[in-house]
Structure formats: C-alpha cells, structure tokens
C-alpha cells in the first residue's frame, strides 16, 4: 500500500498532530510497512478465540475503606512516649526562663 504525502498530512490532521518535513518523509517511508503488519495481524485466525474485556481473568481484591490511624490511638501514643504528671498532663522541658513567670505577667 502506498500513501502519498497528501494522505499522511490528512491522517496527521485527523490525529491532531503536526509533522515537520523530516517527520513527513519518515512517515511516508515507514507507514506502509506498519499498515502491512496490521493487515497480517487482521488475517490471523481468531474464530475459536472468545472475546475478552481485559488481558487476564484476575480480579481486584478490595477491602473496606476505613480510616485507620497509622500510629494507633493518639492517647496511647502520647502515653508511650511522654512523661506525665499525676494529672496525666505531659511533662515537657521548660521553654521560658523563670524571669518570664512573674505574677503580674511583666518581665523581671
């Protein structure tokens, strides 16, 4: 099968692609052999083959979509990594020095 440059330009327009002059020449040389190969594939006997919707009979295994914390229960996590006082509050290092802790809120 021979294709003219006009045919290839029309195919490129239908495919919504633009071709440079070099690409046009390359397609003019390569496209006939590609179409010949497709014609060979079309002539393969497929009468005994049942139609398929996919490549395999495999089925996706699905699970319930549930929210699961990757780290576990936040309360248990905090208890595992933080020291707590008698009330259960976390004990953290002091951030401000003692002169910020005046009763009236002013700096000493």
PDB file of N, CA and C in Angstrom:
ATOM      1  N   UNK A   1       0.849  -1.178   0.000  1.00  0.00           N
ATOM      2  CA  UNK A   1       0.000   0.000   0.000  1.00  0.00           C
ATOM      3  C   UNK A   1       0.893   1.238   0.000  1.00  0.00           C
ATOM      4  N   UNK A   2       0.610   2.136  -0.883  1.00  0.00           N
ATOM      5  CA  UNK A   2       1.389   3.368  -0.940  1.00  0.00           C
ATOM      6  C   UNK A   2       0.526   4.524  -0.451  1.00  0.00           C
ATOM      7  N   UNK A   3       1.168   5.382   0.281  1.00  0.00           N
ATOM      8  CA  UNK A   3       0.494   6.573   0.799  1.00  0.00           C
ATOM      9  C   UNK A   3       1.230   7.799   0.288  1.00  0.00           C
ATOM     10  N   UNK A   4       0.479   8.748  -0.195  1.00  0.00           N
ATOM     11  CA  UNK A   4       1.088   9.993  -0.649  1.00  0.00           C
ATOM     12  C   UNK A   4       1.288  10.929   0.547  1.00  0.00           C
ATOM     13  N   UNK A   5       2.054  11.969   0.314  1.00  0.00           N
ATOM     14  CA  UNK A   5       2.239  12.967   1.375  1.00  0.00           C
ATOM     15  C   UNK A   5       0.907  13.610   1.732  1.00  0.00           C
ATOM     16  N   UNK A   6       0.044  13.751   0.738  1.00  0.00           N
ATOM     17  CA  UNK A   6      -1.276  14.324   0.994  1.00  0.00           C
ATOM     18  C   UNK A   6      -2.070  13.428   1.951  1.00  0.00           C
ATOM     19  N   UNK A   7      -1.985  12.096   1.761  1.00  0.00           N
ATOM     20  CA  UNK A   7      -2.665  11.154   2.661  1.00  0.00           C
ATOM     21  C   UNK A   7      -2.118  11.262   4.087  1.00  0.00           C
ATOM     22  N   UNK A   8      -0.815  11.356   4.202  1.00  0.00           N
ATOM     23  CA  UNK A   8      -0.184  11.428   5.527  1.00  0.00           C
ATOM     24  C   UNK A   8      -0.529  12.744   6.213  1.00  0.00           C
ATOM     25  N   UNK A   9      -0.565  13.826   5.463  1.00  0.00           N
ATOM     26  CA  UNK A   9      -0.960  15.121   6.031  1.00  0.00           C
ATOM     27  C   UNK A   9      -2.408  15.050   6.514  1.00  0.00           C
ATOM     28  N   UNK A  10      -3.264  14.389   5.739  1.00  0.00           N
ATOM     29  CA  UNK A  10      -4.666  14.232   6.137  1.00  0.00           C
ATOM     30  C   UNK A  10      -4.768  13.391   7.418  1.00  0.00           C
ATOM     31  N   UNK A  11      -4.024  12.284   7.500  1.00  0.00           N
ATOM     32  CA  UNK A  11      -4.018  11.455   8.712  1.00  0.00           C
ATOM     33  C   UNK A  11      -3.506  12.246   9.920  1.00  0.00           C
ATOM     34  N   UNK A  12      -2.467  13.039   9.719  1.00  0.00           N
ATOM     35  CA  UNK A  12      -1.932  13.857  10.811  1.00  0.00           C
ATOM     36  C   UNK A  12      -2.968  14.876  11.270  1.00  0.00           C
ATOM     37  N   UNK A  13      -3.700  15.431  10.325  1.00  0.00           N
ATOM     38  CA  UNK A  13      -4.761  16.386  10.679  1.00  0.00           C
ATOM     39  C   UNK A  13      -5.854  15.695  11.492  1.00  0.00           C
ATOM     40  N   UNK A  14      -6.254  14.483  11.078  1.00  0.00           N
ATOM     41  CA  UNK A  14      -7.272  13.735  11.816  1.00  0.00           C
ATOM     42  C   UNK A  14      -6.787  13.377  13.225  1.00  0.00           C
ATOM     43  N   UNK A  15      -5.479  13.085  13.352  1.00  0.00           N
ATOM     44  CA  UNK A  15      -4.908  12.735  14.655  1.00  0.00           C
ATOM     45  C   UNK A  15      -4.545  13.977  15.465  1.00  0.00           C
ATOM     46  N   UNK A  16      -4.742  15.136  14.859  1.00  0.00           N
ATOM     47  CA  UNK A  16      -4.444  16.423  15.504  1.00  0.00           C
ATOM     48  C   UNK A  16      -2.983  16.536  15.941  1.00  0.00           C
ATOM     49  N   UNK A  17      -2.092  16.126  15.049  1.00  0.00           N
ATOM     50  CA  UNK A  17      -0.661  16.285  15.293  1.00  0.00           C
ATOM     51  C   UNK A  17      -0.064  17.072  14.135  1.00  0.00           C
ATOM     52  N   UNK A  18       1.001  17.779  14.417  1.00  0.00           N
ATOM     53  CA  UNK A  18       1.696  18.496  13.354  1.00  0.00           C
ATOM     54  C   UNK A  18       2.991  17.749  13.052  1.00  0.00           C
ATOM     55  N   UNK A  19       3.343  17.705  11.787  1.00  0.00           N
ATOM     56  CA  UNK A  19       4.538  16.992  11.353  1.00  0.00           C
ATOM     57  C   UNK A  19       5.497  17.958  10.673  1.00  0.00           C
ATOM     58  N   UNK A  20       6.769  17.819  11.004  1.00  0.00           N
ATOM     59  CA  UNK A  20       7.789  18.592  10.299  1.00  0.00           C
ATOM     60  C   UNK A  20       8.052  17.912   8.954  1.00  0.00           C
ATOM     61  N   UNK A  21       8.830  18.540   8.111  1.00  0.00           N
ATOM     62  CA  UNK A  21       9.156  17.951   6.804  1.00  0.00           C
ATOM     63  C   UNK A  21       9.894  16.627   6.971  1.00  0.00           C
ATOM     64  N   UNK A  22      10.810  16.566   7.948  1.00  0.00           N
ATOM     65  CA  UNK A  22      11.561  15.329   8.186  1.00  0.00           C
ATOM     66  C   UNK A  22      10.626  14.213   8.650  1.00  0.00           C
ATOM     67  N   UNK A  23       9.691  14.557   9.539  1.00  0.00           N
ATOM     68  CA  UNK A  23       8.739  13.563  10.035  1.00  0.00           C
ATOM     69  C   UNK A  23       7.809  13.100   8.916  1.00  0.00           C
ATOM     70  N   UNK A  24       7.433  14.010   8.054  1.00  0.00           N
ATOM     71  CA  UNK A  24       6.566  13.671   6.926  1.00  0.00           C
ATOM     72  C   UNK A  24       7.253  12.661   6.008  1.00  0.00           C
ATOM     73  N   UNK A  25       8.522  12.880   5.718  1.00  0.00           N
ATOM     74  CA  UNK A  25       9.288  11.949   4.877  1.00  0.00           C
ATOM     75  C   UNK A  25       9.432  10.603   5.579  1.00  0.00           C
ATOM     76  N   UNK A  26       9.709  10.622   6.890  1.00  0.00           N
ATOM     77  CA  UNK A  26       9.860   9.374   7.643  1.00  0.00           C
ATOM     78  C   UNK A  26       8.554   8.589   7.667  1.00  0.00           C
ATOM     79  N   UNK A  27       7.442   9.267   7.888  1.00  0.00           N
ATOM     80  CA  UNK A  27       6.148   8.579   7.894  1.00  0.00           C
ATOM     81  C   UNK A  27       5.811   8.024   6.511  1.00  0.00           C
ATOM     82  N   UNK A  28       6.180   8.753   5.482  1.00  0.00           N
ATOM     83  CA  UNK A  28       5.908   8.288   4.124  1.00  0.00           C
ATOM     84  C   UNK A  28       6.646   6.977   3.847  1.00  0.00           C
ATOM     85  N   UNK A  29       7.818   6.800   4.445  1.00  0.00           N
ATOM     86  CA  UNK A  29       8.595   5.575   4.255  1.00  0.00           C
ATOM     87  C   UNK A  29       8.153   4.459   5.207  1.00  0.00           C
ATOM     88  N   UNK A  30       7.803   4.792   6.462  1.00  0.00           N
ATOM     89  CA  UNK A  30       7.543   3.777   7.485  1.00  0.00           C
ATOM     90  C   UNK A  30       6.082   3.341   7.574  1.00  0.00           C
ATOM     91  N   UNK A  31       5.160   4.209   7.298  1.00  0.00           N
ATOM     92  CA  UNK A  31       3.742   3.904   7.488  1.00  0.00           C
ATOM     93  C   UNK A  31       3.249   2.728   6.633  1.00  0.00           C
ATOM     94  N   UNK A  32       3.677   2.585   5.383  1.00  0.00           N
ATOM     95  CA  UNK A  32       3.215   1.421   4.612  1.00  0.00           C
ATOM     96  C   UNK A  32       3.600   0.077   5.249  1.00  0.00           C
ATOM     97  N   UNK A  33       4.800  -0.032   5.804  1.00  0.00           N
ATOM     98  CA  UNK A  33       5.192  -1.300   6.436  1.00  0.00           C
ATOM     99  C   UNK A  33       4.406  -1.536   7.724  1.00  0.00           C
ATOM    100  N   UNK A  34       4.074  -0.471   8.441  1.00  0.00           N
ATOM    101  CA  UNK A  34       3.253  -0.609   9.655  1.00  0.00           C
ATOM    102  C   UNK A  34       1.858  -1.092   9.275  1.00  0.00           C
ATOM    103  N   UNK A  35       1.276  -0.500   8.243  1.00  0.00           N
ATOM    104  CA  UNK A  35      -0.054  -0.912   7.794  1.00  0.00           C
ATOM    105  C   UNK A  35      -0.045  -2.342   7.259  1.00  0.00           C
ATOM    106  N   UNK A  36       1.048  -2.758   6.610  1.00  0.00           N
ATOM    107  CA  UNK A  36       1.171  -4.136   6.128  1.00  0.00           C
ATOM    108  C   UNK A  36       1.189  -5.106   7.310  1.00  0.00           C
ATOM    109  N   UNK A  37       1.889  -4.758   8.379  1.00  0.00           N
ATOM    110  CA  UNK A  37       1.936  -5.605   9.572  1.00  0.00           C
ATOM    111  C   UNK A  37       0.552  -5.708  10.213  1.00  0.00           C
ATOM    112  N   UNK A  38      -0.177  -4.610  10.277  1.00  0.00           N
ATOM    113  CA  UNK A  38      -1.533  -4.629  10.834  1.00  0.00           C
ATOM    114  C   UNK A  38      -2.433  -5.514   9.970  1.00  0.00           C
ATOM    115  N   UNK A  39      -2.257  -5.480   8.664  1.00  0.00           N
ATOM    116  CA  UNK A  39      -3.047  -6.337   7.773  1.00  0.00           C
ATOM    117  C   UNK A  39      -2.738  -7.810   8.037  1.00  0.00           C
ATOM    118  N   UNK A  40      -1.473  -8.134   8.313  1.00  0.00           N
ATOM    119  CA  UNK A  40      -1.114  -9.515   8.655  1.00  0.00           C
ATOM    120  C   UNK A  40      -1.777  -9.933   9.962  1.00  0.00           C
ATOM    121  N   UNK A  41      -1.791  -9.032  10.947  1.00  0.00           N
ATOM    122  CA  UNK A  41      -2.450  -9.348  12.215  1.00  0.00           C
ATOM    123  C   UNK A  41      -3.945  -9.572  12.016  1.00  0.00           C
ATOM    124  N   UNK A  42      -4.564  -8.779  11.158  1.00  0.00           N
ATOM    125  CA  UNK A  42      -6.001  -8.921  10.899  1.00  0.00           C
ATOM    126  C   UNK A  42      -6.332 -10.241  10.217  1.00  0.00           C
ATOM    127  N   UNK A  43      -5.385 -10.813   9.494  1.00  0.00           N
ATOM    128  CA  UNK A  43      -5.658 -12.072   8.797  1.00  0.00           C
ATOM    129  C   UNK A  43      -5.431 -13.292   9.686  1.00  0.00           C
ATOM    130  N   UNK A  44      -4.987 -13.103  10.909  1.00  0.00           N
ATOM    131  CA  UNK A  44      -4.776 -14.229  11.832  1.00  0.00           C
ATOM    132  C   UNK A  44      -6.119 -14.869  12.177  1.00  0.00           C
ATOM    133  N   UNK A  45      -6.152 -16.223  12.253  1.00  0.00           N
ATOM    134  CA  UNK A  45      -7.417 -16.899  12.569  1.00  0.00           C
ATOM    135  C   UNK A  45      -7.796 -16.693  14.039  1.00  0.00           C
ATOM    136  N   UNK A  46      -8.910 -16.040  14.268  1.00  0.00           N
ATOM    137  CA  UNK A  46      -9.366 -15.763  15.638  1.00  0.00           C
ATOM    138  C   UNK A  46     -10.781 -16.265  15.881  1.00  0.00           C
ATOM    139  N   UNK A  47     -11.272 -17.139  15.012  1.00  0.00           N
ATOM    140  CA  UNK A  47     -12.648 -17.623  15.140  1.00  0.00           C
ATOM    141  C   UNK A  47     -12.872 -18.399  16.429  1.00  0.00           C
ATOM    142  N   UNK A  48     -11.868 -19.163  16.883  1.00  0.00           N
ATOM    143  CA  UNK A  48     -12.030 -20.008  18.072  1.00  0.00           C
ATOM    144  C   UNK A  48     -11.710 -19.265  19.370  1.00  0.00           C
ATOM    145  N   UNK A  49     -11.332 -18.015  19.274  1.00  0.00           N
ATOM    146  CA  UNK A  49     -10.945 -17.246  20.462  1.00  0.00           C
ATOM    147  C   UNK A  49     -12.146 -16.447  20.949  1.00  0.00           C
ATOM    148  N   UNK A  50     -12.453 -16.597  22.247  1.00  0.00           N
ATOM    149  CA  UNK A  50     -13.578 -15.843  22.809  1.00  0.00           C
ATOM    150  C   UNK A  50     -13.161 -14.400  23.072  1.00  0.00           C
ATOM    151  N   UNK A  51     -14.072 -13.463  22.868  1.00  0.00           N
ATOM    152  CA  UNK A  51     -13.749 -12.054  23.144  1.00  0.00           C
ATOM    153  C   UNK A  51     -13.435 -11.842  24.624  1.00  0.00           C
ATOM    154  N   UNK A  52     -12.520 -10.929  24.890  1.00  0.00           N
ATOM    155  CA  UNK A  52     -12.123 -10.614  26.268  1.00  0.00           C
ATOM    156  C   UNK A  52     -12.267  -9.120  26.505  1.00  0.00           C
ATOM    157  N   UNK A  53     -12.476  -8.759  27.748  1.00  0.00           N
ATOM    158  CA  UNK A  53     -12.523  -7.338  28.098  1.00  0.00           C
ATOM    159  C   UNK A  53     -11.204  -6.877  28.694  1.00  0.00           C
ATOM    160  N   UNK A  54     -10.313  -7.813  29.006  1.00  0.00           N
ATOM    161  CA  UNK A  54      -9.016  -7.479  29.582  1.00  0.00           C
ATOM    162  C   UNK A  54      -8.017  -8.561  29.230  1.00  0.00           C
ATOM    163  N   UNK A  55      -6.800  -8.408  29.689  1.00  0.00           N
ATOM    164  CA  UNK A  55      -5.752  -9.355  29.361  1.00  0.00           C
ATOM    165  C   UNK A  55      -5.759 -10.612  30.200  1.00  0.00           C
ATOM    166  N   UNK A  56      -6.348 -10.569  31.388  1.00  0.00           N
ATOM    167  CA  UNK A  56      -6.347 -11.731  32.273  1.00  0.00           C
ATOM    168  C   UNK A  56      -7.705 -11.882  32.940  1.00  0.00           C
ATOM    169  N   UNK A  57      -7.856 -12.989  33.652  1.00  0.00           N
ATOM    170  CA  UNK A  57      -9.081 -13.222  34.414  1.00  0.00           C
ATOM    171  C   UNK A  57      -8.937 -12.776  35.860  1.00  0.00           C
ATOM    172  N   UNK A  58      -7.874 -12.072  36.182  1.00  0.00           N
ATOM    173  CA  UNK A  58      -7.645 -11.642  37.560  1.00  0.00           C
ATOM    174  C   UNK A  58      -8.679 -10.600  37.983  1.00  0.00           C
ATOM    175  N   UNK A  59      -9.011 -10.624  39.255  1.00  0.00           N
ATOM    176  CA  UNK A  59      -9.984  -9.693  39.811  1.00  0.00           C
ATOM    177  C   UNK A  59      -9.310  -8.921  40.935  1.00  0.00           C
ATOM    178  N   UNK A  60      -9.565  -7.632  41.020  1.00  0.00           N
ATOM    179  CA  UNK A  60      -9.005  -6.833  42.109  1.00  0.00           C
ATOM    180  C   UNK A  60      -9.595  -7.268  43.439  1.00  0.00           C
ATOM    181  N   UNK A  61      -8.738  -7.401  44.428  1.00  0.00           N
ATOM    182  CA  UNK A  61      -9.197  -7.711  45.774  1.00  0.00           C
ATOM    183  C   UNK A  61      -9.386  -6.383  46.481  1.00  0.00           C
ATOM    184  N   UNK A  62     -10.592  -6.142  46.946  1.00  0.00           N
ATOM    185  CA  UNK A  62     -10.903  -4.862  47.568  1.00  0.00           C
ATOM    186  C   UNK A  62     -11.101  -5.047  49.065  1.00  0.00           C
ATOM    187  N   UNK A  63     -10.869  -4.001  49.815  1.00  0.00           N
ATOM    188  CA  UNK A  63     -11.119  -4.011  51.252  1.00  0.00           C
ATOM    189  C   UNK A  63     -12.040  -2.851  51.574  1.00  0.00           C
ATOM    190  N   UNK A  64     -12.636  -2.906  52.761  1.00  0.00           N
ATOM    191  CA  UNK A  64     -13.485  -1.805  53.193  1.00  0.00           C
ATOM    192  C   UNK A  64     -12.643  -0.549  53.349  1.00  0.00           C
ATOM    193  N   UNK A  65     -13.187   0.566  52.948  1.00  0.00           N
ATOM    194  CA  UNK A  65     -12.498   1.841  53.066  1.00  0.00           C
ATOM    195  C   UNK A  65     -12.758   2.402  54.452  1.00  0.00           C
ATOM    196  N   UNK A  66     -11.825   2.154  55.357  1.00  0.00           N
ATOM    197  CA  UNK A  66     -11.985   2.597  56.737  1.00  0.00           C
ATOM    198  C   UNK A  66     -10.799   3.464  57.131  1.00  0.00           C
ATOM    199  N   UNK A  67     -11.055   4.486  57.932  1.00  0.00           N
ATOM    200  CA  UNK A  67      -9.993   5.364  58.411  1.00  0.00           C
ATOM    201  C   UNK A  67      -9.268   4.655  59.544  1.00  0.00           C
ATOM    202  N   UNK A  68      -7.971   4.463  59.347  1.00  0.00           N
ATOM    203  CA  UNK A  68      -7.148   3.800  60.355  1.00  0.00           C
ATOM    204  C   UNK A  68      -5.938   4.688  60.607  1.00  0.00           C
ATOM    205  N   UNK A  69      -5.714   5.042  61.854  1.00  0.00           N
ATOM    206  CA  UNK A  69      -4.549   5.857  62.190  1.00  0.00           C
ATOM    207  C   UNK A  69      -3.298   4.998  62.028  1.00  0.00           C
ATOM    208  N   UNK A  70      -2.305   5.477  61.289  1.00  0.00           N
ATOM    209  CA  UNK A  70      -1.104   4.667  61.088  1.00  0.00           C
ATOM    210  C   UNK A  70      -0.289   4.496  62.368  1.00  0.00           C
ATOM    211  N   UNK A  71      -0.503   5.351  63.346  1.00  0.00           N
ATOM    212  CA  UNK A  71       0.287   5.290  64.570  1.00  0.00           C
ATOM    213  C   UNK A  71      -0.490   4.727  65.750  1.00  0.00           C
ATOM    214  N   UNK A  72      -1.730   4.409  65.561  1.00  0.00           N
ATOM    215  CA  UNK A  72      -2.527   3.886  66.663  1.00  0.00           C
ATOM    216  C   UNK A  72      -3.306   4.993  67.360  1.00  0.00           C
ATOM    217  N   UNK A  73      -3.808   4.676  68.546  1.00  0.00           N
ATOM    218  CA  UNK A  73      -4.608   5.610  69.331  1.00  0.00           C
ATOM    219  C   UNK A  73      -3.734   6.773  69.804  1.00  0.00           C
ATOM    220  N   UNK A  74      -4.117   8.026  69.557  1.00  0.00           N
ATOM    221  CA  UNK A  74      -3.289   9.171  69.954  1.00  0.00           C
ATOM    222  C   UNK A  74      -3.015   9.225  71.455  1.00  0.00           C
ATOM    223  N   UNK A  75      -3.992   8.848  72.258  1.00  0.00           N
ATOM    224  CA  UNK A  75      -3.794   8.887  73.711  1.00  0.00           C
ATOM    225  C   UNK A  75      -2.748   7.859  74.118  1.00  0.00           C
ATOM    226  N   UNK A  76      -2.836   6.661  73.568  1.00  0.00           N
ATOM    227  CA  UNK A  76      -1.857   5.627  73.885  1.00  0.00           C
ATOM    228  C   UNK A  76      -0.479   6.013  73.364  1.00  0.00           C
ATOM    229  N   UNK A  77      -0.423   6.626  72.215  1.00  0.00           N
ATOM    230  CA  UNK A  77       0.852   7.046  71.644  1.00  0.00           C
ATOM    231  C   UNK A  77       1.521   8.091  72.524  1.00  0.00           C
ATOM    232  N   UNK A  78       0.749   9.069  72.976  1.00  0.00           N
ATOM    233  CA  UNK A  78       1.291  10.098  73.853  1.00  0.00           C
ATOM    234  C   UNK A  78       1.796   9.472  75.149  1.00  0.00           C
ATOM    235  N   UNK A  79       1.041   8.545  75.685  1.00  0.00           N
ATOM    236  CA  UNK A  79       1.427   7.905  76.938  1.00  0.00           C
ATOM    237  C   UNK A  79       2.698   7.086  76.765  1.00  0.00           C
ATOM    238  N   UNK A  80       2.907   6.532  75.612  1.00  0.00           N
ATOM    239  CA  UNK A  80       4.078   5.694  75.390  1.00  0.00           C
ATOM    240  C   UNK A  80       5.361   6.504  75.289  1.00  0.00           C
ATOM    241  N   UNK A  81       5.287   7.730  74.805  1.00  0.00           N
ATOM    242  CA  UNK A  81       6.499   8.490  74.546  1.00  0.00           C
ATOM    243  C   UNK A  81       6.706   9.701  75.447  1.00  0.00           C
ATOM    244  N   UNK A  82       5.742  10.073  76.252  1.00  0.00           N
ATOM    245  CA  UNK A  82       5.882  11.277  77.067  1.00  0.00           C
ATOM    246  C   UNK A  82       5.727  10.948  78.538  1.00  0.00           C
ATOM    247  N   UNK A  83       6.529  11.612  79.321  1.00  0.00           N
ATOM    248  CA  UNK A  83       6.358  11.507  80.770  1.00  0.00           C
ATOM    249  C   UNK A  83       5.155  12.358  81.161  1.00  0.00           C
ATOM    250  N   UNK A  84       4.395  11.892  82.118  1.00  0.00           N
ATOM    251  CA  UNK A  84       3.216  12.634  82.554  1.00  0.00           C
ATOM    252  C   UNK A  84       3.261  12.842  84.057  1.00  0.00           C
ATOM    253  N   UNK A  85       2.552  13.867  84.496  1.00  0.00           N
ATOM    254  CA  UNK A  85       2.458  14.108  85.934  1.00  0.00           C
ATOM    255  C   UNK A  85       1.249  13.355  86.485  1.00  0.00           C
ATOM    256  N   UNK A  86       0.900  13.615  87.725  1.00  0.00           N
ATOM    257  CA  UNK A  86      -0.186  12.892  88.393  1.00  0.00           C
ATOM    258  C   UNK A  86      -1.534  13.121  87.710  1.00  0.00           C
ATOM    259  N   UNK A  87      -1.719  14.277  87.070  1.00  0.00           N
ATOM    260  CA  UNK A  87      -2.990  14.567  86.395  1.00  0.00           C
ATOM    261  C   UNK A  87      -3.050  13.993  84.986  1.00  0.00           C
ATOM    262  N   UNK A  88      -1.940  13.423  84.497  1.00  0.00           N
ATOM    263  CA  UNK A  88      -1.903  12.889  83.142  1.00  0.00           C
ATOM    264  C   UNK A  88      -1.430  13.891  82.107  1.00  0.00           C
ATOM    265  N   UNK A  89      -1.036  15.088  82.555  1.00  0.00           N
ATOM    266  CA  UNK A  89      -0.531  16.103  81.635  1.00  0.00           C
ATOM    267  C   UNK A  89       0.907  15.772  81.254  1.00  0.00           C
ATOM    268  N   UNK A  90       1.272  16.088  80.021  1.00  0.00           N
ATOM    269  CA  UNK A  90       2.622  15.804  79.548  1.00  0.00           C
ATOM    270  C   UNK A  90       3.626  16.719  80.232  1.00  0.00           C
ATOM    271  N   UNK A  91       4.766  16.156  80.572  1.00  0.00           N
ATOM    272  CA  UNK A  91       5.853  16.933  81.155  1.00  0.00           C
ATOM    273  C   UNK A  91       6.820  17.245  80.021  1.00  0.00           C
ATOM    274  N   UNK A  92       7.025  18.536  79.769  1.00  0.00           N
ATOM    275  CA  UNK A  92       7.893  18.966  78.677  1.00  0.00           C
ATOM    276  C   UNK A  92       8.989  19.852  79.237  1.00  0.00           C
ATOM    277  N   UNK A  93      10.103  20.005  78.524  1.00  0.00           N
ATOM    278  CA  UNK A  93      11.165  20.888  79.003  1.00  0.00           C
ATOM    279  C   UNK A  93      10.668  22.330  79.093  1.00  0.00           C
ATOM    280  N   UNK A  94      11.224  23.078  80.013  1.00  0.00           N
ATOM    281  CA  UNK A  94      10.836  24.472  80.198  1.00  0.00           C
ATOM    282  C   UNK A  94      11.264  25.276  78.981  1.00  0.00           C
ATOM    283  N   UNK A  95      10.361  26.108  78.502  1.00  0.00           N
ATOM    284  CA  UNK A  95      10.625  26.894  77.313  1.00  0.00           C
ATOM    285  C   UNK A  95      11.146  28.278  77.681  1.00  0.00           C
ATOM    286  N   UNK A  96      10.527  28.909  78.660  1.00  0.00           N
ATOM    287  CA  UNK A  96      10.912  30.255  79.062  1.00  0.00           C
ATOM    288  C   UNK A  96      11.626  30.192  80.400  1.00  0.00           C
ATOM    289  N   UNK A  97      12.538  31.115  80.594  1.00  0.00           N
ATOM    290  CA  UNK A  97      13.244  31.149  81.875  1.00  0.00           C
ATOM    291  C   UNK A  97      12.326  31.708  82.959  1.00  0.00           C
ATOM    292  N   UNK A  98      12.761  31.626  84.196  1.00  0.00           N
ATOM    293  CA  UNK A  98      11.911  31.983  85.332  1.00  0.00           C
ATOM    294  C   UNK A  98      11.556  33.466  85.367  1.00  0.00           C
ATOM    295  N   UNK A  99      12.351  34.355  84.791  1.00  0.00           N
ATOM    296  CA  UNK A  99      12.020  35.777  84.877  1.00  0.00           C
ATOM    297  C   UNK A  99      10.802  36.131  84.018  1.00  0.00           C
ATOM    298  N   UNK A 100      10.334  35.235  83.156  1.00  0.00           N
ATOM    299  CA  UNK A 100       9.096  35.470  82.417  1.00  0.00           C
ATOM    300  C   UNK A 100       7.871  35.060  83.232  1.00  0.00           C
ATOM    301  N   UNK A 101       8.076  34.411  84.338  1.00  0.00           N
ATOM    302  CA  UNK A 101       6.969  33.861  85.112  1.00  0.00           C
ATOM    303  C   UNK A 101       6.576  34.731  86.295  1.00  0.00           C
ATOM    304  N   UNK A 102       6.686  36.036  86.181  1.00  0.00           N
ATOM    305  CA  UNK A 102       6.299  36.900  87.297  1.00  0.00           C
ATOM    306  C   UNK A 102       4.781  36.898  87.438  1.00  0.00           C
ATOM    307  N   UNK A 103       4.247  37.074  88.638  1.00  0.00           N
ATOM    308  CA  UNK A 103       2.800  37.025  88.872  1.00  0.00           C
ATOM    309  C   UNK A 103       2.014  38.060  88.073  1.00  0.00           C
ATOM    310  N   UNK A 104       2.607  39.237  87.831  1.00  0.00           N
ATOM    311  CA  UNK A 104       1.861  40.276  87.109  1.00  0.00           C
ATOM    312  C   UNK A 104       2.010  40.166  85.590  1.00  0.00           C
ATOM    313  N   UNK A 105       2.797  39.198  85.105  1.00  0.00           N
ATOM    314  CA  UNK A 105       2.961  38.995  83.675  1.00  0.00           C
ATOM    315  C   UNK A 105       4.021  39.868  83.053  1.00  0.00           C
ATOM    316  N   UNK A 106       4.693  40.716  83.834  1.00  0.00           N
ATOM    317  CA  UNK A 106       5.730  41.594  83.312  1.00  0.00           C
ATOM    318  C   UNK A 106       7.089  40.920  83.415  1.00  0.00           C
ATOM    319  N   UNK A 107       7.992  41.362  82.589  1.00  0.00           N
ATOM    320  CA  UNK A 107       9.352  40.847  82.666  1.00  0.00           C
ATOM    321  C   UNK A 107      10.029  41.378  83.908  1.00  0.00           C
ATOM    322  N   UNK A 108      10.841  40.568  84.510  1.00  0.00           N
ATOM    323  CA  UNK A 108      11.568  41.000  85.719  1.00  0.00           C
ATOM    324  C   UNK A 108      12.908  41.577  85.358  1.00  0.00           C
TER     325      UNK A 108
END
